[in-house]
Amino acid sequence: MAGFGSPDLLFLLGTILVMYFLFFLPQRRKQQALVKMMAALKKGDHVVTTAGMRGEVVAVEDAVVTLKFHGDTRIDFDKSSVAQVLVAKQED
């Protein structure tokens, strides 16, 4: 007869807790950081898209960001396609 404190139930609860801390919590934090980064996009930021294209932000609208590439090439992207904002290297 399996009671509340049975080893099988405790093992199941322990496994669920481990999976939460190893998989779901880090993914949630990463998603929150991505949403925060997209909300902070501004003109002049240098970014990399999910396709690997590097450009400079020239305009930000609700869900669209316009990037400028070499020369004067400008392309509109969904904000969600921006993978990361590049940090400028500081010169000595």
N, C-alpha and C. Protein backbone atom coordinates (compact mmCIF):
# COMPACT_ATOMS: atom_id res chain seq x y z
N MET A 1 0.84 -1.16 0.00
CA MET A 1 0.00 0.00 0.00
C MET A 1 0.90 1.24 0.00
N ALA A 2 0.69 2.10 -0.98
CA ALA A 2 1.51 3.30 -1.11
C ALA A 2 0.86 4.45 -0.36
N GLY A 3 1.59 5.01 0.57
CA GLY A 3 1.10 6.15 1.33
C GLY A 3 1.67 7.44 0.77
N PHE A 4 1.41 8.53 1.46
CA PHE A 4 1.87 9.83 1.00
C PHE A 4 3.39 9.92 0.99
N GLY A 5 4.04 9.29 1.94
CA GLY A 5 5.49 9.38 2.03
C GLY A 5 6.19 8.24 1.32
N SER A 6 5.54 7.63 0.35
CA SER A 6 6.17 6.50 -0.33
C SER A 6 7.40 6.97 -1.12
N PRO A 7 8.42 6.13 -1.23
CA PRO A 7 9.64 6.50 -1.95
C PRO A 7 9.38 6.85 -3.42
N ASP A 8 8.40 6.20 -4.05
CA ASP A 8 8.10 6.48 -5.45
C ASP A 8 7.58 7.90 -5.63
N LEU A 9 6.71 8.35 -4.74
CA LEU A 9 6.16 9.69 -4.83
C LEU A 9 7.22 10.74 -4.54
N LEU A 10 8.05 10.47 -3.56
CA LEU A 10 9.14 11.40 -3.24
C LEU A 10 10.14 11.50 -4.40
N PHE A 11 10.43 10.38 -5.04
CA PHE A 11 11.33 10.38 -6.19
C PHE A 11 10.74 11.19 -7.34
N LEU A 12 9.44 11.03 -7.58
CA LEU A 12 8.77 11.77 -8.65
C LEU A 12 8.80 13.27 -8.37
N LEU A 13 8.48 13.67 -7.14
CA LEU A 13 8.51 15.09 -6.79
C LEU A 13 9.93 15.65 -6.89
N GLY A 14 10.92 14.88 -6.45
CA GLY A 14 12.31 15.32 -6.56
C GLY A 14 12.74 15.50 -8.00
N THR A 15 12.33 14.59 -8.87
CA THR A 15 12.66 14.68 -10.29
C THR A 15 12.03 15.92 -10.92
N ILE A 16 10.80 16.21 -10.56
CA ILE A 16 10.12 17.39 -11.10
C ILE A 16 10.83 18.67 -10.65
N LEU A 17 11.23 18.73 -9.39
CA LEU A 17 11.95 19.90 -8.89
C LEU A 17 13.29 20.08 -9.60
N VAL A 18 14.02 19.01 -9.79
CA VAL A 18 15.31 19.09 -10.47
C VAL A 18 15.12 19.57 -11.91
N MET A 19 14.13 19.04 -12.61
CA MET A 19 13.87 19.47 -13.99
C MET A 19 13.50 20.95 -14.04
N TYR A 20 12.72 21.41 -13.06
CA TYR A 20 12.34 22.83 -13.04
C TYR A 20 13.57 23.71 -12.91
N PHE A 21 14.46 23.39 -11.98
CA PHE A 21 15.63 24.22 -11.74
C PHE A 21 16.68 24.10 -12.83
N LEU A 22 16.76 22.97 -13.51
CA LEU A 22 17.78 22.78 -14.54
C LEU A 22 17.32 23.23 -15.93
N PHE A 23 16.03 23.13 -16.21
CA PHE A 23 15.56 23.41 -17.57
C PHE A 23 14.64 24.61 -17.67
N PHE A 24 13.59 24.64 -16.89
CA PHE A 24 12.56 25.65 -17.07
C PHE A 24 12.94 27.01 -16.51
N LEU A 25 13.54 27.07 -15.36
CA LEU A 25 13.91 28.36 -14.77
C LEU A 25 14.95 29.11 -15.60
N PRO A 26 16.04 28.47 -16.06
CA PRO A 26 16.99 29.19 -16.91
C PRO A 26 16.37 29.66 -18.23
N GLN A 27 15.49 28.87 -18.82
CA GLN A 27 14.83 29.25 -20.07
C GLN A 27 13.93 30.46 -19.85
N ARG A 28 13.25 30.50 -18.72
CA ARG A 28 12.38 31.62 -18.39
C ARG A 28 13.20 32.89 -18.21
N ARG A 29 14.33 32.79 -17.53
CA ARG A 29 15.19 33.96 -17.34
C ARG A 29 15.75 34.46 -18.66
N LYS A 30 16.12 33.54 -19.54
CA LYS A 30 16.64 33.92 -20.86
C LYS A 30 15.56 34.63 -21.68
N GLN A 31 14.33 34.14 -21.62
CA GLN A 31 13.23 34.77 -22.34
C GLN A 31 12.95 36.16 -21.81
N GLN A 32 13.00 36.34 -20.49
CA GLN A 32 12.77 37.66 -19.89
C GLN A 32 13.87 38.64 -20.31
N ALA A 33 15.11 38.17 -20.36
CA ALA A 33 16.22 39.03 -20.78
C ALA A 33 16.07 39.45 -22.24
N LEU A 34 15.59 38.53 -23.09
CA LEU A 34 15.38 38.83 -24.50
C LEU A 34 14.29 39.88 -24.69
N VAL A 35 13.21 39.75 -23.95
CA VAL A 35 12.11 40.72 -24.03
C VAL A 35 12.59 42.09 -23.56
N LYS A 36 13.38 42.11 -22.50
CA LYS A 36 13.92 43.38 -21.98
C LYS A 36 14.86 44.03 -23.00
N MET A 37 15.69 43.21 -23.66
CA MET A 37 16.63 43.72 -24.67
C MET A 37 15.86 44.31 -25.85
N MET A 38 14.80 43.65 -26.30
CA MET A 38 14.02 44.16 -27.44
C MET A 38 13.31 45.46 -27.08
N ALA A 39 12.86 45.59 -25.85
CA ALA A 39 12.18 46.81 -25.42
C ALA A 39 13.16 47.98 -25.32
N ALA A 40 14.44 47.68 -25.10
CA ALA A 40 15.44 48.75 -24.92
C ALA A 40 16.15 49.13 -26.21
N LEU A 41 15.77 48.53 -27.35
CA LEU A 41 16.41 48.87 -28.62
C LEU A 41 16.21 50.35 -28.93
N LYS A 42 17.27 51.00 -29.37
CA LYS A 42 17.18 52.42 -29.70
C LYS A 42 18.06 52.73 -30.92
N LYS A 43 17.80 53.87 -31.49
CA LYS A 43 18.56 54.32 -32.65
C LYS A 43 20.03 54.40 -32.30
N GLY A 44 20.89 53.88 -33.20
CA GLY A 44 22.33 53.90 -32.98
C GLY A 44 22.91 52.61 -32.43
N ASP A 45 22.06 51.71 -31.92
CA ASP A 45 22.55 50.42 -31.42
C ASP A 45 23.05 49.58 -32.59
N HIS A 46 24.12 48.84 -32.36
CA HIS A 46 24.61 47.87 -33.34
C HIS A 46 24.11 46.50 -32.90
N VAL A 47 23.47 45.79 -33.83
CA VAL A 47 22.81 44.53 -33.48
C VAL A 47 23.18 43.42 -34.45
N VAL A 48 22.88 42.20 -34.05
CA VAL A 48 23.00 41.01 -34.90
C VAL A 48 21.62 40.37 -34.96
N THR A 49 21.17 40.04 -36.16
CA THR A 49 19.87 39.39 -36.31
C THR A 49 20.03 37.88 -36.13
N THR A 50 18.90 37.20 -36.08
CA THR A 50 18.93 35.74 -35.95
C THR A 50 19.53 35.09 -37.19
N ALA A 51 19.55 35.81 -38.32
CA ALA A 51 20.16 35.29 -39.56
C ALA A 51 21.65 35.59 -39.62
N GLY A 52 22.18 36.31 -38.62
CA GLY A 52 23.60 36.61 -38.58
C GLY A 52 23.99 37.91 -39.25
N MET A 53 23.01 38.70 -39.64
CA MET A 53 23.30 39.99 -40.29
C MET A 53 23.58 41.04 -39.22
N ARG A 54 24.64 41.83 -39.42
CA ARG A 54 25.02 42.88 -38.48
C ARG A 54 24.67 44.23 -39.08
N GLY A 55 24.04 45.06 -38.26
CA GLY A 55 23.65 46.37 -38.75
C GLY A 55 23.45 47.35 -37.62
N GLU A 56 23.15 48.59 -38.00
CA GLU A 56 22.91 49.66 -37.03
C GLU A 56 21.43 50.03 -37.06
N VAL A 57 20.84 50.18 -35.90
CA VAL A 57 19.43 50.54 -35.81
C VAL A 57 19.28 52.01 -36.19
N VAL A 58 18.39 52.27 -37.18
CA VAL A 58 18.14 53.65 -37.58
C VAL A 58 16.72 54.09 -37.24
N ALA A 59 15.83 53.13 -36.96
CA ALA A 59 14.46 53.47 -36.57
C ALA A 59 13.86 52.29 -35.82
N VAL A 60 13.06 52.61 -34.80
CA VAL A 60 12.36 51.58 -34.03
C VAL A 60 10.90 51.97 -33.94
N GLU A 61 10.03 51.07 -34.38
CA GLU A 61 8.59 51.27 -34.26
C GLU A 61 8.04 50.18 -33.36
N ASP A 62 6.75 50.01 -33.31
CA ASP A 62 6.14 49.04 -32.40
C ASP A 62 6.76 47.65 -32.51
N ALA A 63 6.62 47.02 -33.66
CA ALA A 63 7.13 45.66 -33.83
C ALA A 63 8.18 45.57 -34.92
N VAL A 64 8.58 46.72 -35.47
CA VAL A 64 9.52 46.74 -36.59
C VAL A 64 10.74 47.58 -36.23
N VAL A 65 11.90 47.08 -36.63
CA VAL A 65 13.14 47.82 -36.46
C VAL A 65 13.79 47.93 -37.83
N THR A 66 14.28 49.12 -38.17
CA THR A 66 14.95 49.34 -39.44
C THR A 66 16.45 49.36 -39.19
N LEU A 67 17.17 48.50 -39.94
CA LEU A 67 18.61 48.39 -39.79
C LEU A 67 19.31 48.94 -41.02
N LYS A 68 20.44 49.61 -40.80
CA LYS A 68 21.26 50.13 -41.89
C LYS A 68 22.50 49.25 -41.98
N PHE A 69 22.82 48.85 -43.19
CA PHE A 69 23.99 48.02 -43.44
C PHE A 69 25.02 48.83 -44.21
N HIS A 70 26.05 48.21 -44.74
CA HIS A 70 27.10 48.90 -45.47
C HIS A 70 26.49 49.84 -46.50
N GLY A 71 27.08 51.01 -46.59
CA GLY A 71 26.54 52.01 -47.50
C GLY A 71 25.29 52.60 -46.88
N ASP A 72 24.24 52.62 -47.66
CA ASP A 72 22.98 53.18 -47.16
C ASP A 72 21.83 52.19 -47.32
N THR A 73 22.15 50.91 -47.29
CA THR A 73 21.13 49.88 -47.42
C THR A 73 20.34 49.78 -46.13
N ARG A 74 19.02 49.92 -46.22
CA ARG A 74 18.15 49.85 -45.05
C ARG A 74 17.12 48.76 -45.25
N ILE A 75 16.96 47.93 -44.24
CA ILE A 75 16.01 46.82 -44.32
C ILE A 75 15.19 46.80 -43.03
N ASP A 76 13.88 46.58 -43.16
CA ASP A 76 12.99 46.45 -42.01
C ASP A 76 12.97 45.00 -41.52
N PHE A 77 13.04 44.82 -40.23
CA PHE A 77 12.98 43.50 -39.60
C PHE A 77 11.95 43.52 -38.48
N ASP A 78 11.40 42.37 -38.16
CA ASP A 78 10.62 42.25 -36.94
C ASP A 78 11.56 42.40 -35.77
N LYS A 79 11.09 43.00 -34.69
CA LYS A 79 11.93 43.15 -33.51
C LYS A 79 12.40 41.79 -33.00
N SER A 80 11.56 40.79 -33.14
CA SER A 80 11.90 39.46 -32.63
C SER A 80 13.05 38.81 -33.38
N SER A 81 13.43 39.36 -34.54
CA SER A 81 14.54 38.79 -35.29
C SER A 81 15.90 39.34 -34.84
N VAL A 82 15.90 40.29 -33.90
CA VAL A 82 17.16 40.79 -33.35
C VAL A 82 17.62 39.81 -32.27
N ALA A 83 18.79 39.22 -32.49
CA ALA A 83 19.30 38.21 -31.57
C ALA A 83 20.07 38.83 -30.41
N GLN A 84 20.86 39.88 -30.68
CA GLN A 84 21.63 40.49 -29.61
C GLN A 84 22.06 41.89 -30.01
N VAL A 85 22.31 42.68 -28.98
CA VAL A 85 22.86 44.03 -29.17
C VAL A 85 24.35 43.92 -28.91
N LEU A 86 25.15 44.42 -29.86
CA LEU A 86 26.59 44.36 -29.71
C LEU A 86 27.09 45.50 -28.82
N VAL A 87 28.03 45.19 -27.98
CA VAL A 87 28.63 46.19 -27.10
C VAL A 87 29.87 46.72 -27.79
N ALA A 88 29.95 48.03 -27.89
CA ALA A 88 31.12 48.65 -28.55
C ALA A 88 32.36 48.43 -27.70
N LYS A 89 33.47 48.11 -28.36
CA LYS A 89 34.76 47.96 -27.66
C LYS A 89 35.29 49.33 -27.32
N GLN A 90 35.68 49.49 -26.07
CA GLN A 90 36.23 50.78 -25.66
C GLN A 90 37.71 50.82 -25.95
N GLU A 91 38.15 51.93 -26.57
CA GLU A 91 39.55 52.09 -26.90
C GLU A 91 40.28 52.76 -25.75
N ASP A 92 41.54 52.42 -25.55
CA ASP A 92 42.33 53.02 -24.46
C ASP A 92 42.74 54.43 -24.78
